Structures are given as C-alpha cells and as structure tokens.
C-alpha cells in the first residue's frame, strides 16, 4: 500500500461462513491479515465488473440484464 493513501476503519459484521472463509485463507499463509483478503476480493470484484461492462459494450444483450445476472463467455 502506498504511504500517501489514507486508511480508514470500517466495522463489518460477517456471516459465519464468511468468517470461516477468511480464517481458512489466513491459515494458508498466503495472507498476513484479513485486510489483504478483503483488498484482493474487492480487486477481483472490480475486475469482474469491468469485464461485464466490456462484454455488454462488445455484444449488447437483446434484453435488459437483471441484477445479479452473469454473462457467459462465448466460444467460437
């Protein structure tokens, strides 16, 4: 993280299954703390959103997408 970025505190309430997932990820040793896990999850969510927007612009759906609809990748 860059030193110029300000940090803020956010209190979250997690479902038990999400807490267990975070604990399992920490136990792998790939993450030093929950912040790293949340940061990576948000980064992946952002990438997915950008991909979905690109896919819509590249091949607009014939009907409006409903919230939570995922686009399937076409194979030629």
C-alpha atoms as a PDB file:
ATOM      1  CA  UNK A   1       0.000   0.000   0.000  1.00  0.00           C
ATOM      2  CA  UNK A   2       1.291   3.469  -0.862  1.00  0.00           C
ATOM      3  CA  UNK A   3       2.158   5.738   2.048  1.00  0.00           C
ATOM      4  CA  UNK A   4       0.077   8.546   0.553  1.00  0.00           C
ATOM      5  CA  UNK A   5      -3.140   6.534   0.865  1.00  0.00           C
ATOM      6  CA  UNK A   6      -5.165   7.369   3.952  1.00  0.00           C
ATOM      7  CA  UNK A   7      -6.507   4.426   5.913  1.00  0.00           C
ATOM      8  CA  UNK A   8      -9.955   4.356   7.434  1.00  0.00           C
ATOM      9  CA  UNK A   9     -11.573   1.923   9.810  1.00  0.00           C
ATOM     10  CA  UNK A  10     -14.751   0.140   8.820  1.00  0.00           C
ATOM     11  CA  UNK A  11     -16.610  -2.198  11.135  1.00  0.00           C
ATOM     12  CA  UNK A  12     -18.128  -5.186   9.350  1.00  0.00           C
ATOM     13  CA  UNK A  13     -20.493  -7.884  10.511  1.00  0.00           C
ATOM     14  CA  UNK A  14     -19.788 -11.139   8.697  1.00  0.00           C
ATOM     15  CA  UNK A  15     -21.890 -14.226   8.271  1.00  0.00           C
ATOM     16  CA  UNK A  16     -20.298 -17.242   9.981  1.00  0.00           C
ATOM     17  CA  UNK A  17     -19.447 -18.846   6.632  1.00  0.00           C
ATOM     18  CA  UNK A  18     -17.614 -15.705   5.507  1.00  0.00           C
ATOM     19  CA  UNK A  19     -15.687 -15.554   8.779  1.00  0.00           C
ATOM     20  CA  UNK A  20     -14.675 -19.208   8.312  1.00  0.00           C
ATOM     21  CA  UNK A  21     -13.558 -18.498   4.749  1.00  0.00           C
ATOM     22  CA  UNK A  22     -11.374 -15.607   5.896  1.00  0.00           C
ATOM     23  CA  UNK A  23      -9.889 -17.751   8.664  1.00  0.00           C
ATOM     24  CA  UNK A  24      -9.201 -20.556   6.181  1.00  0.00           C
ATOM     25  CA  UNK A  25      -7.469 -18.139   3.811  1.00  0.00           C
ATOM     26  CA  UNK A  26      -5.354 -16.778   6.678  1.00  0.00           C
ATOM     27  CA  UNK A  27      -4.377 -20.317   7.664  1.00  0.00           C
ATOM     28  CA  UNK A  28      -2.917 -20.933   4.197  1.00  0.00           C
ATOM     29  CA  UNK A  29      -0.199 -18.413   4.970  1.00  0.00           C
ATOM     30  CA  UNK A  30      -0.796 -16.547   1.706  1.00  0.00           C
ATOM     31  CA  UNK A  31      -2.261 -13.557   3.541  1.00  0.00           C
ATOM     32  CA  UNK A  32      -0.833 -11.669   6.509  1.00  0.00           C
ATOM     33  CA  UNK A  33      -4.175 -10.330   7.716  1.00  0.00           C
ATOM     34  CA  UNK A  34      -7.871 -10.047   6.813  1.00  0.00           C
ATOM     35  CA  UNK A  35      -7.247  -6.665   5.167  1.00  0.00           C
ATOM     36  CA  UNK A  36      -5.208  -8.348   2.430  1.00  0.00           C
ATOM     37  CA  UNK A  37      -8.014 -10.829   1.766  1.00  0.00           C
ATOM     38  CA  UNK A  38     -10.665  -8.110   1.552  1.00  0.00           C
ATOM     39  CA  UNK A  39      -8.424  -5.975  -0.689  1.00  0.00           C
ATOM     40  CA  UNK A  40      -7.908  -8.865  -3.115  1.00  0.00           C
ATOM     41  CA  UNK A  41     -11.613  -9.729  -3.090  1.00  0.00           C
ATOM     42  CA  UNK A  42     -12.524  -6.124  -3.912  1.00  0.00           C
ATOM     43  CA  UNK A  43      -9.904  -6.025  -6.651  1.00  0.00           C
ATOM     44  CA  UNK A  44     -11.355  -9.179  -8.227  1.00  0.00           C
ATOM     45  CA  UNK A  45     -14.889  -7.785  -7.942  1.00  0.00           C
ATOM     46  CA  UNK A  46     -13.764  -4.631  -9.722  1.00  0.00           C
ATOM     47  CA  UNK A  47     -12.144  -6.694 -12.499  1.00  0.00           C
ATOM     48  CA  UNK A  48     -15.337  -8.725 -12.919  1.00  0.00           C
ATOM     49  CA  UNK A  49     -17.409  -5.539 -13.140  1.00  0.00           C
ATOM     50  CA  UNK A  50     -15.071  -4.088 -15.791  1.00  0.00           C
ATOM     51  CA  UNK A  51     -15.222  -7.343 -17.770  1.00  0.00           C
ATOM     52  CA  UNK A  52     -19.014  -7.402 -17.628  1.00  0.00           C
ATOM     53  CA  UNK A  53     -19.180  -3.789 -18.812  1.00  0.00           C
ATOM     54  CA  UNK A  54     -16.782  -4.580 -21.642  1.00  0.00           C
ATOM     55  CA  UNK A  55     -18.849  -7.637 -22.607  1.00  0.00           C
ATOM     56  CA  UNK A  56     -22.048  -5.562 -22.711  1.00  0.00           C
ATOM     57  CA  UNK A  57     -20.404  -2.902 -24.870  1.00  0.00           C
ATOM     58  CA  UNK A  58     -18.855  -5.529 -27.147  1.00  0.00           C
ATOM     59  CA  UNK A  59     -22.058  -7.553 -27.553  1.00  0.00           C
ATOM     60  CA  UNK A  60     -25.101  -5.820 -26.016  1.00  0.00           C
ATOM     61  CA  UNK A  61     -27.767  -8.193 -24.673  1.00  0.00           C
ATOM     62  CA  UNK A  62     -31.023  -8.495 -26.594  1.00  0.00           C
ATOM     63  CA  UNK A  63     -32.982  -7.813 -23.396  1.00  0.00           C
ATOM     64  CA  UNK A  64     -32.084  -5.867 -20.234  1.00  0.00           C
ATOM     65  CA  UNK A  65     -29.927  -7.699 -17.696  1.00  0.00           C
ATOM     66  CA  UNK A  66     -31.368  -8.330 -14.269  1.00  0.00           C
ATOM     67  CA  UNK A  67     -29.283  -7.528 -11.204  1.00  0.00           C
ATOM     68  CA  UNK A  68     -27.047 -10.487 -10.391  1.00  0.00           C
ATOM     69  CA  UNK A  69     -27.023 -11.809 -13.953  1.00  0.00           C
ATOM     70  CA  UNK A  70     -23.631 -13.061 -15.041  1.00  0.00           C
ATOM     71  CA  UNK A  71     -22.565 -13.063 -18.634  1.00  0.00           C
ATOM     72  CA  UNK A  72     -21.346 -16.291 -20.183  1.00  0.00           C
ATOM     73  CA  UNK A  73     -18.242 -16.144 -22.311  1.00  0.00           C
ATOM     74  CA  UNK A  74     -18.895 -17.060 -25.911  1.00  0.00           C
ATOM     75  CA  UNK A  75     -16.792 -19.698 -27.609  1.00  0.00           C
ATOM     76  CA  UNK A  76     -16.272 -19.538 -31.352  1.00  0.00           C
END
